[in-house]
Protein backbone atom coordinates (compact mmCIF):
# COMPACT_ATOMS: atom_id res chain seq x y z
CA MET A 1 -0.77 -30.41 -39.16
CA LYS A 2 -1.13 -26.83 -37.98
CA ARG A 3 2.14 -25.32 -36.73
CA ILE A 4 1.99 -22.60 -34.08
CA ALA A 5 4.92 -20.50 -32.85
CA ILE A 6 4.96 -19.07 -29.33
CA ILE A 7 7.43 -16.24 -28.75
CA GLY A 8 8.29 -15.75 -25.09
CA GLY A 9 8.52 -18.26 -22.26
CA GLY A 10 7.27 -16.22 -19.31
CA ALA A 11 3.99 -16.84 -17.51
CA SER A 12 1.90 -15.88 -20.56
CA GLY A 13 3.88 -17.89 -23.12
CA LEU A 14 4.15 -20.94 -20.87
CA SER A 15 0.40 -20.85 -20.26
CA ALA A 16 -0.25 -20.59 -24.01
CA ALA A 17 1.99 -23.61 -24.64
CA TYR A 18 0.29 -25.60 -21.89
CA TYR A 19 -3.20 -24.96 -23.25
CA LEU A 20 -2.08 -25.77 -26.80
CA GLU A 21 -0.61 -29.01 -25.48
CA LYS A 22 -3.99 -29.82 -23.92
CA GLN A 23 -5.63 -29.29 -27.32
CA ARG A 24 -3.03 -31.52 -28.97
CA ARG A 25 -3.60 -34.31 -26.45
CA ARG A 26 -7.33 -34.13 -27.10
CA GLY A 27 -6.61 -34.86 -30.75
CA ALA A 28 -6.30 -31.41 -32.31
CA PRO A 29 -4.02 -31.63 -35.38
CA LEU A 30 -1.44 -29.10 -34.24
CA GLU A 31 2.12 -28.77 -33.09
CA TYR A 32 3.83 -25.83 -31.46
CA VAL A 33 7.30 -24.42 -30.89
CA LEU A 34 8.10 -22.13 -27.95
CA PHE A 35 10.98 -19.69 -28.55
CA GLU A 36 12.62 -18.16 -25.46
CA ARG A 37 15.53 -15.74 -25.67
CA ALA A 38 16.82 -16.53 -22.16
CA GLY A 39 18.35 -19.78 -20.99
CA ARG A 40 15.44 -20.55 -18.66
CA LEU A 41 11.67 -20.48 -18.68
CA GLY A 42 9.49 -18.44 -16.36
CA GLY A 43 10.46 -14.83 -16.97
CA VAL A 44 10.03 -12.92 -13.71
CA LEU A 45 8.87 -16.06 -11.86
CA ALA A 46 12.10 -16.98 -10.10
CA SER A 47 12.65 -18.53 -6.67
CA GLU A 48 15.81 -19.63 -4.88
CA ARG A 49 16.93 -20.80 -1.45
CA ALA A 50 19.52 -19.11 0.72
CA GLU A 51 20.37 -19.56 4.40
CA GLY A 52 17.42 -21.94 4.73
CA CYS A 53 15.01 -19.26 3.40
CA LEU A 54 12.89 -19.16 0.26
CA ILE A 55 13.61 -16.02 -1.77
CA GLU A 56 11.41 -14.72 -4.56
CA GLY A 57 13.02 -12.65 -7.30
CA GLY A 58 9.75 -11.54 -8.89
CA PRO A 59 6.14 -11.83 -7.69
CA ASP A 60 5.84 -13.74 -4.44
CA SER A 61 2.12 -14.49 -4.79
CA PHE A 62 -1.03 -13.72 -6.72
CA LEU A 63 -4.48 -12.38 -5.89
CA THR A 64 -6.73 -15.21 -4.75
CA GLU A 65 -9.90 -13.62 -6.15
CA LYS A 66 -8.63 -13.87 -9.73
CA PRO A 67 -9.22 -17.56 -10.58
CA TRP A 68 -6.94 -18.28 -13.54
CA ALA A 69 -3.70 -18.98 -11.67
CA LEU A 70 -5.47 -21.10 -9.04
CA THR A 71 -7.23 -23.10 -11.76
CA LEU A 72 -3.95 -23.71 -13.57
CA CYS A 73 -2.24 -24.82 -10.34
CA ARG A 74 -4.99 -27.33 -9.67
CA GLU A 75 -4.83 -28.68 -13.23
CA LEU A 76 -1.12 -29.25 -12.64
CA ASP A 77 -1.86 -31.23 -9.44
CA LEU A 78 -0.45 -28.43 -7.33
CA GLY A 79 -3.66 -27.97 -5.35
CA GLY A 80 -2.04 -29.41 -2.23
CA GLN A 81 0.86 -26.97 -2.61
CA ILE A 82 -1.28 -23.82 -2.62
CA ILE A 83 -0.81 -21.70 0.48
CA GLY A 84 -2.53 -18.52 1.60
CA SER A 85 -1.06 -15.38 3.10
CA ASN A 86 -1.03 -15.14 6.87
CA ASP A 87 -3.87 -12.63 7.01
CA ALA A 88 -3.94 -12.71 10.81
CA ARG A 89 -0.85 -10.50 10.55
CA ARG A 90 -2.01 -8.54 7.50
CA LYS A 91 -1.27 -5.03 8.61
CA THR A 92 0.30 -2.54 6.26
CA TYR A 93 1.95 0.73 7.19
CA ILE A 94 2.50 3.98 5.33
CA VAL A 95 5.46 6.24 6.02
CA VAL A 96 4.15 9.69 6.94
CA ASN A 97 6.57 12.40 8.02
CA HIS A 98 9.26 9.72 8.47
CA ARG A 99 7.10 7.66 10.85
CA MET A 100 4.95 4.56 10.38
CA ALA A 101 1.16 4.99 10.24
CA GLU A 102 -0.95 1.84 10.13
CA LEU A 103 -3.64 1.59 7.50
CA PRO A 104 -6.91 1.85 9.45
CA ASP A 105 -9.25 -1.11 9.83
CA GLY A 106 -11.95 -1.24 7.19
CA LEU A 107 -9.85 0.46 4.52
CA MET A 108 -10.34 -1.61 1.36
CA LEU A 109 -7.75 -0.58 -1.20
CA MET A 110 -8.21 3.21 -0.91
CA VAL A 111 -11.81 3.18 0.25
CA PRO A 112 -12.86 3.61 3.90
CA THR A 113 -15.69 1.30 4.97
CA ARG A 114 -15.53 2.02 8.73
CA LEU A 115 -15.93 5.55 10.01
CA LEU A 116 -14.33 5.45 13.47
CA PRO A 117 -10.93 3.94 12.47
CA THR A 118 -10.77 6.44 9.61
CA LEU A 119 -11.39 9.35 11.95
CA LEU A 120 -8.80 8.13 14.47
CA THR A 121 -5.95 7.33 12.06
CA PRO A 122 -2.88 9.62 12.04
CA LEU A 123 -2.50 8.85 8.36
CA PHE A 124 -4.72 11.74 7.22
CA SER A 125 -5.40 15.31 8.28
CA TRP A 126 -8.81 16.31 9.61
CA PRO A 127 -9.91 18.06 6.38
CA THR A 128 -9.18 14.82 4.49
CA LYS A 129 -10.99 12.70 7.10
CA LEU A 130 -14.08 14.89 6.81
CA ARG A 131 -13.93 14.72 3.03
CA MET A 132 -13.68 10.92 3.18
CA ALA A 133 -16.76 10.81 5.43
CA ALA A 134 -18.69 13.14 3.11
CA GLU A 135 -17.84 10.93 0.10
CA LEU A 136 -20.55 8.57 1.32
CA PHE A 137 -23.16 10.98 -0.04
CA ARG A 138 -21.87 11.40 -3.60
CA SER A 139 -24.44 10.83 -6.37
CA PRO A 140 -24.00 8.38 -9.26
CA ARG A 141 -22.01 9.72 -12.19
CA PRO A 142 -22.77 8.95 -15.85
CA PRO A 143 -20.06 7.33 -17.98
CA ALA A 144 -17.18 9.72 -18.55
CA PRO A 145 -13.95 9.73 -20.56
CA ASP A 146 -10.97 7.94 -19.10
CA GLU A 147 -8.85 9.79 -16.57
CA SER A 148 -5.85 9.09 -14.40
CA VAL A 149 -6.11 7.19 -11.14
CA ALA A 150 -4.82 10.30 -9.38
CA ALA A 151 -7.56 12.53 -10.82
CA PHE A 152 -10.25 9.95 -10.02
CA ILE A 153 -9.17 9.42 -6.40
CA GLU A 154 -8.66 13.13 -5.83
CA ARG A 155 -12.24 13.83 -6.95
CA HIS A 156 -13.49 11.41 -4.33
CA PHE A 157 -11.15 11.80 -1.38
CA GLY A 158 -8.72 14.64 -2.02
CA ALA A 159 -5.05 15.13 -2.91
CA GLU A 160 -3.74 13.85 0.42
CA VAL A 161 -5.22 10.39 -0.22
CA VAL A 162 -3.53 10.37 -3.62
CA ASP A 163 -0.17 11.26 -2.08
CA ARG A 164 -0.30 9.05 1.01
CA LEU A 165 -2.30 6.08 -0.24
CA ALA A 166 -3.09 5.75 -3.95
CA ASP A 167 0.36 6.62 -5.27
CA PRO A 168 2.38 4.40 -2.89
CA LEU A 169 -0.04 1.49 -3.30
CA LEU A 170 0.17 1.56 -7.08
CA SER A 171 3.87 2.38 -7.09
CA GLY A 172 4.40 -0.86 -5.18
CA VAL A 173 2.45 -2.81 -7.81
CA TYR A 174 3.23 -1.04 -11.09
CA GLY A 175 6.31 1.01 -10.21
CA ALA A 176 4.26 3.87 -11.61
CA ASP A 177 3.00 7.39 -10.96
CA CYS A 178 -0.77 7.14 -10.47
CA GLY A 179 -1.08 10.42 -12.36
CA HIS A 180 -0.09 8.40 -15.43
CA LEU A 181 -2.20 5.25 -14.94
CA SER A 182 -5.64 4.78 -16.50
CA VAL A 183 -8.40 4.39 -13.93
CA GLN A 184 -10.52 2.43 -16.42
CA ALA A 185 -7.72 -0.09 -16.96
CA VAL A 186 -6.28 -0.27 -13.43
CA LEU A 187 -9.36 0.19 -11.23
CA PRO A 188 -12.36 -0.77 -13.39
CA ARG A 189 -14.38 -1.80 -10.32
CA PHE A 190 -14.08 1.73 -8.95
CA VAL A 191 -15.35 3.18 -12.23
CA ASP A 192 -18.37 0.83 -12.14
CA MET A 193 -19.05 1.71 -8.50
CA GLU A 194 -19.03 5.42 -9.32
CA ARG A 195 -21.52 4.91 -12.14
CA LYS A 196 -23.86 2.81 -10.02
CA TYR A 197 -23.51 4.30 -6.53
CA GLY A 198 -21.66 7.57 -6.89
CA SER A 199 -19.87 6.87 -3.62
CA LEU A 200 -17.03 4.38 -3.66
CA THR A 201 -17.69 3.75 0.03
CA ARG A 202 -21.29 2.73 -0.66
CA GLY A 203 -20.14 0.61 -3.58
CA MET A 204 -17.49 -1.16 -1.49
CA LEU A 205 -19.95 -1.81 1.33
CA ALA A 206 -22.38 -3.36 -1.18
CA ALA A 207 -19.58 -5.53 -2.60
CA ARG A 208 -18.67 -6.68 0.90
CA ARG A 209 -22.30 -7.64 1.62
CA ARG A 210 -22.43 -9.65 -1.60
CA MET A 211 -19.21 -11.43 -0.68
CA THR A 212 -20.57 -12.28 2.78
CA GLN A 213 -23.72 -13.75 1.21
CA MET A 214 -21.68 -15.77 -1.28
CA LEU A 215 -19.49 -17.20 1.46
CA GLY A 216 -22.55 -18.33 3.44
CA GLY A 217 -20.73 -18.30 6.76
CA ARG A 218 -17.48 -19.74 5.42
CA PRO A 219 -14.29 -17.83 6.28
CA ARG A 220 -13.00 -15.35 3.73
CA PRO A 221 -10.22 -16.76 1.55
CA PRO A 222 -6.76 -15.26 2.04
CA LEU A 223 -6.02 -12.15 0.04
CA PHE A 224 -2.91 -13.67 -1.56
CA SER A 225 -2.08 -17.20 -2.64
CA SER A 226 1.25 -18.75 -3.50
CA LEU A 227 2.95 -22.14 -3.72
CA GLN A 228 4.78 -24.01 -0.99
CA ALA A 229 8.08 -24.04 -2.87
CA GLY A 230 7.68 -20.56 -4.35
CA MET A 231 6.39 -19.22 -7.65
CA GLN A 232 9.15 -21.10 -9.47
CA GLN A 233 7.16 -24.23 -8.62
CA LEU A 234 4.54 -23.21 -11.18
CA VAL A 235 7.23 -23.00 -13.88
CA ASP A 236 8.72 -26.33 -12.81
CA ALA A 237 5.29 -27.98 -13.04
CA LEU A 238 4.44 -26.48 -16.43
CA ALA A 239 7.69 -27.30 -18.22
CA PRO A 240 7.39 -31.15 -18.08
CA CYS A 241 3.88 -30.92 -19.56
CA LEU A 242 5.30 -29.59 -22.82
CA GLU A 243 6.89 -31.57 -25.62
CA THR A 244 10.63 -31.47 -24.95
CA GLN A 245 11.55 -30.84 -28.58
CA ALA A 246 9.01 -28.00 -28.73
CA VAL A 247 10.92 -25.76 -26.30
CA ARG A 248 13.91 -23.81 -27.62
CA LEU A 249 15.83 -21.94 -24.95
CA GLY A 250 18.46 -19.36 -25.80
CA CYS A 251 16.73 -18.88 -29.16
CA PRO A 252 15.70 -15.27 -29.81
CA VAL A 253 13.25 -14.46 -32.57
CA GLU A 254 14.82 -11.71 -34.65
CA ALA A 255 11.99 -10.89 -37.06
CA LEU A 256 8.54 -11.90 -38.28
CA GLN A 257 7.08 -11.69 -41.76
CA PHE A 258 3.51 -12.32 -42.86
CA SER A 259 3.00 -13.52 -46.41
CA GLY A 260 0.89 -16.02 -48.27
CA ASN A 261 -1.48 -16.28 -45.28
CA SER A 262 1.26 -17.69 -43.05
CA TRP A 263 4.06 -16.47 -40.81
CA GLU A 264 7.79 -16.70 -41.27
CA VAL A 265 9.74 -16.75 -37.99
CA MET A 266 13.41 -15.84 -38.21
CA THR A 267 15.88 -16.96 -35.57
CA PRO A 268 19.70 -16.93 -35.82
CA GLY A 269 20.57 -18.96 -38.90
CA ARG A 270 17.06 -20.31 -39.43
CA ARG A 271 13.71 -19.45 -41.05
CA GLU A 272 10.52 -21.41 -40.37
CA ARG A 273 6.91 -21.03 -41.45
CA PHE A 274 3.93 -21.31 -39.15
CA ALA A 275 0.19 -21.08 -39.58
CA ALA A 276 -0.17 -19.02 -36.40
CA VAL A 277 1.99 -17.04 -34.00
CA ILE A 278 1.43 -16.13 -30.36
CA ILE A 279 3.61 -13.24 -29.23
CA ALA A 280 3.91 -13.41 -25.44
CA THR A 281 6.60 -10.79 -24.89
CA PRO A 282 6.57 -7.26 -23.47
CA ALA A 283 4.63 -4.91 -25.73
CA HIS A 284 7.70 -3.07 -27.01
CA VAL A 285 9.34 -6.36 -28.04
CA ALA A 286 6.16 -7.39 -29.85
CA GLY A 287 6.10 -3.98 -31.53
CA GLY A 288 9.62 -4.46 -32.85
CA LEU A 289 8.78 -7.88 -34.25
CA LEU A 290 5.63 -6.63 -35.98
CA ALA A 291 7.09 -3.44 -37.46
CA GLY A 292 7.31 -4.99 -40.91
CA ALA A 293 3.96 -6.79 -40.79
CA GLU A 294 1.55 -4.17 -39.43
CA ALA A 295 3.07 -0.77 -38.70
CA ARG A 296 -0.04 0.63 -37.00
CA LEU A 297 -0.24 -2.29 -34.58
CA ALA A 298 3.49 -2.02 -33.92
CA ASP A 299 3.09 1.68 -33.12
CA GLU A 300 0.31 0.95 -30.64
CA LEU A 301 2.42 -1.69 -28.92
CA ASN A 302 5.45 0.58 -28.81
CA GLY A 303 3.27 3.27 -27.22
CA ILE A 304 2.76 1.17 -24.07
CA SER A 305 5.37 2.26 -21.56
CA TYR A 306 7.09 0.06 -18.99
CA SER A 307 8.94 0.60 -15.75
CA SER A 308 11.94 -1.24 -14.39
CA SER A 309 12.43 -2.46 -10.84
CA VAL A 310 14.96 -3.89 -8.43
CA THR A 311 14.02 -6.37 -5.71
CA VAL A 312 16.48 -7.00 -2.92
CA SER A 313 15.96 -9.55 -0.15
CA LEU A 314 17.98 -9.37 3.06
CA ILE A 315 18.08 -12.38 5.39
CA TYR A 316 18.41 -11.61 9.10
CA ASP A 317 18.65 -13.47 12.35
CA SER A 318 15.36 -12.80 14.12
CA HIS A 319 17.01 -11.06 17.05
CA GLY A 320 18.41 -8.50 14.60
CA LEU A 321 14.86 -7.45 13.73
CA ALA A 322 13.96 -7.00 17.40
CA GLY A 323 10.22 -6.71 16.81
CA ARG A 324 10.58 -3.86 14.31
CA ASP A 325 9.19 -6.07 11.52
CA ARG A 326 5.53 -5.16 11.93
CA GLY A 327 2.77 -6.63 9.78
CA PHE A 328 3.24 -7.41 6.10
CA GLY A 329 5.41 -4.34 5.59
CA PHE A 330 5.16 -0.70 4.58
CA LEU A 331 4.84 1.67 1.62
CA VAL A 332 6.73 4.91 1.08
CA PRO A 333 5.02 7.90 -0.60
CA ARG A 334 7.15 9.86 -3.04
CA SER A 335 6.65 12.98 -0.89
CA GLU A 336 8.90 11.34 1.72
CA GLY A 337 11.85 11.78 -0.65
CA ARG A 338 13.24 8.24 -0.29
CA ARG A 339 14.52 5.70 -2.82
CA LEU A 340 12.71 2.79 -1.18
CA LEU A 341 9.24 2.27 -2.72
CA ALA A 342 7.99 -0.50 -0.47
CA CYS A 343 9.16 -3.18 1.91
CA THR A 344 7.72 -6.61 2.74
CA PHE A 345 8.41 -8.64 5.88
CA VAL A 346 8.16 -11.94 4.05
CA HIS A 347 8.31 -14.12 7.17
CA ASN A 348 5.11 -12.45 8.42
CA LYS A 349 3.26 -12.69 5.10
CA PHE A 350 4.29 -16.33 4.45
CA PRO A 351 5.80 -17.68 7.69
CA HIS A 352 7.08 -20.98 6.26
CA ARG A 353 9.48 -19.14 3.93
CA ALA A 354 11.92 -18.53 6.76
CA PRO A 355 12.89 -21.11 9.41
CA ASP A 356 12.65 -20.33 13.12
CA GLY A 357 15.21 -17.74 14.07
CA ARG A 358 15.37 -16.10 10.61
CA GLY A 359 13.54 -13.27 8.88
CA ILE A 360 13.38 -11.99 5.29
CA VAL A 361 13.10 -8.28 4.50
CA ARG A 362 12.33 -7.57 0.85
CA GLY A 363 12.72 -4.09 -0.56
CA PHE A 364 11.63 -2.58 -3.88
CA LEU A 365 13.54 0.15 -5.69
CA GLY A 366 13.31 1.78 -9.10
CA GLY A 367 10.04 2.29 -10.94
CA LEU A 368 9.29 5.49 -12.80
CA ARG A 369 10.18 7.40 -9.64
CA ASP A 370 13.82 6.29 -9.64
CA PRO A 371 14.96 4.65 -12.90
CA GLN A 372 18.59 5.25 -11.93
CA ALA A 373 18.28 2.46 -9.35
CA MET A 374 18.83 -0.03 -12.16
CA GLU A 375 22.36 1.33 -12.62
CA MET A 376 23.41 0.93 -8.99
CA SER A 377 25.91 -1.77 -8.06
CA ASP A 378 24.87 -4.64 -5.82
CA ASP A 379 26.74 -3.08 -2.90
CA GLU A 380 25.01 0.27 -3.46
CA ILE A 381 21.60 -1.40 -3.57
CA VAL A 382 22.16 -3.27 -0.32
CA ALA A 383 23.57 -0.16 1.35
CA THR A 384 20.59 1.91 0.20
CA LEU A 385 18.05 -0.56 1.58
CA ARG A 386 19.94 -0.93 4.88
CA ARG A 387 20.24 2.86 5.27
CA GLU A 388 16.53 3.40 4.67
CA LEU A 389 15.52 0.48 6.91
CA ARG A 390 17.63 1.96 9.69
CA ALA A 391 16.03 5.39 9.27
CA LEU A 392 12.43 4.16 8.98
CA THR A 393 12.32 1.10 11.26
CA GLY A 394 15.46 1.12 13.37
CA ILE A 395 16.68 -2.18 11.89
CA SER A 396 20.46 -1.85 11.89
CA ALA A 397 21.73 -5.43 12.21
CA GLU A 398 24.06 -6.94 9.64
CA PRO A 399 22.10 -9.25 7.29
CA ARG A 400 23.30 -12.82 6.84
CA ALA A 401 22.84 -12.71 3.07
CA ALA A 402 21.40 -10.62 0.25
CA ARG A 403 19.81 -11.52 -3.06
CA ILE A 404 19.24 -8.92 -5.79
CA TYR A 405 17.15 -9.14 -8.97
CA ARG A 406 16.92 -6.48 -11.65
CA TRP A 407 13.89 -6.47 -13.95
CA GLU A 408 14.36 -4.13 -16.89
CA ARG A 409 11.17 -2.77 -18.49
CA ALA A 410 9.14 -5.56 -16.89
CA MET A 411 6.01 -3.80 -15.59
CA ALA A 412 3.51 -2.48 -18.13
CA GLN A 413 2.04 0.97 -17.49
CA PRO A 414 -1.56 1.23 -18.78
CA SER A 415 -1.81 4.97 -19.31
CA VAL A 416 -4.94 7.08 -19.75
CA GLY A 417 -6.73 5.87 -22.88
CA HIS A 418 -5.36 2.34 -22.58
CA LEU A 419 -8.70 0.62 -23.23
CA GLU A 420 -9.15 2.66 -26.40
CA ARG A 421 -5.65 1.57 -27.44
CA LEU A 422 -6.59 -2.09 -26.89
CA ALA A 423 -9.74 -1.62 -28.98
CA ARG A 424 -7.66 -0.22 -31.86
CA MET A 425 -5.22 -3.11 -31.52
CA LYS A 426 -8.09 -5.60 -31.73
CA THR A 427 -9.21 -4.03 -35.03
CA GLN A 428 -5.66 -4.14 -36.40
CA LEU A 429 -5.22 -7.77 -35.32
CA SER A 430 -8.21 -8.74 -37.46
CA SER A 431 -6.15 -7.96 -40.57
CA LEU A 432 -3.45 -10.46 -39.55
CA PRO A 433 -4.84 -14.01 -39.56
CA GLY A 434 -3.15 -16.41 -37.19
CA LEU A 435 -1.71 -13.73 -34.87
CA ALA A 436 -2.51 -13.61 -31.16
CA LEU A 437 -0.98 -11.47 -28.41
CA ALA A 438 -0.53 -12.25 -24.72
CA GLY A 439 1.19 -10.50 -21.86
CA ASN A 440 0.90 -8.24 -18.86
CA TYR A 441 -0.24 -5.19 -20.82
CA PHE A 442 -3.86 -6.27 -21.29
CA ARG A 443 -6.00 -6.70 -18.15
CA GLY A 444 -3.36 -6.51 -15.45
CA ILE A 445 0.24 -7.30 -14.61
CA GLY A 446 -0.38 -10.11 -12.11
CA VAL A 447 0.23 -13.81 -12.67
CA PRO A 448 -3.50 -14.66 -13.03
CA ASP A 449 -3.86 -11.98 -15.72
CA CYS A 450 -0.88 -13.38 -17.63
CA VAL A 451 -2.22 -16.93 -17.39
CA ARG A 452 -5.56 -15.72 -18.73
CA THR A 453 -4.05 -13.96 -21.74
CA GLY A 454 -1.96 -17.05 -22.55
CA MET A 455 -5.02 -19.31 -22.34
CA GLU A 456 -7.10 -17.03 -24.56
CA ALA A 457 -4.27 -16.69 -27.11
CA ALA A 458 -3.99 -20.50 -27.28
CA GLU A 459 -7.73 -20.80 -27.83
CA LYS A 460 -7.58 -18.26 -30.65
CA ALA A 461 -4.50 -19.71 -32.34
CA GLY A 462 -5.74 -23.27 -32.06
CA ALA A 463 -9.26 -22.54 -33.27
CA GLU A 464 -8.56 -20.35 -36.30
CA ARG A 465 -8.83 -21.85 -39.78
CA GLN A 466 -5.93 -24.18 -40.41
CA VAL A 467 -3.30 -23.14 -42.87
CA THR A 468 -0.43 -25.56 -43.41
CA PRO A 469 2.68 -23.58 -44.43
CA GLU A 470 5.43 -25.19 -46.40
CA ASP A 471 8.55 -25.70 -44.32
């Protein structure tokens, strides 16, 4: 019987355990143990109810176009629980000179695909608007070394688009400075478009035509998908699929050793041997565990930086919002000098998450821009969000309730050269039989990306040559 250890019970580790369990039920001679340091499974997937509202502590949804999370939900008989974002109200605003500017129609990510709305928007100055129009005529570019997202976007559209669009968009997702992020890792589609078309606008228009042809007259799917009872519902559906005795909560792995073609896993007061190990933790945790087994791989993992974040949800009576809760929410460029990175009006994005007469305002603080936010007290966090909401939107009512979540070093930051780092890691992994890695530092930080890495790690660990360690 092949024994496999899974370290980490977040989205990646849970997915790995689920797909190993599927192999076991099909007759594969394996067993697994999932070690989770915390007292609960799910990692950043955490939902709760307050004042009749559904509150998300971590991600509130996932991108519909990435199939792995949707596929997993359907396998878990959650297909009927999948909901889409309310795209009829999908408007996003950017704070410019302390006022809200709506993202113009036809803007796809950072790429304009309609000329007139781009020319009319107050979001950009006229020199930037003219530069965005001229981008349509750029020639294809041969493959080039990796560069930052900021450098890439500035080459195409100018520094103002970096400041007012690229940086706040990616700060809301990664909590990062886009001058640090790798364009090849974060925006690979843009890199491919530049090679093929030169112009990102021409590339995006071609992609839109292909999508229209694929849909064949069917409506476009919603941009975001989630679950009726929140993202916690995915965790609650996964957990019963696993062998009860295989899940060890409150059980941190303190060290790993590789010897005799097998792995020794050390937890408080116990040592066990396994034929394979899946490490589904943040990269720096994996690096610490592997320091004694493969120093070069550990160094690469430790070289991946992370940012921390604070999410705070305020529940209001609807009359306290007084129509100031426009669209899905807004983003705040760093040039505005505010602590608030982004804000979501949850009841507009997913209306069922608040009953009639209530609204949920969710703010994001921290990131690389403001790491000190993690040290603020709960009262200071709520006061900060309320102060900035009042200044930016005019919302001044007293909230009915607040819920705060702190996520320390939770969001991976794929810096310039990240794909080369992953290639080196792949070579180093080949010298360690039975080891697989999973997590949000590979192809993306979203839930579908984590599910995919967990699935692929389970396939690797389950398929490799069996070695039966002595217990």
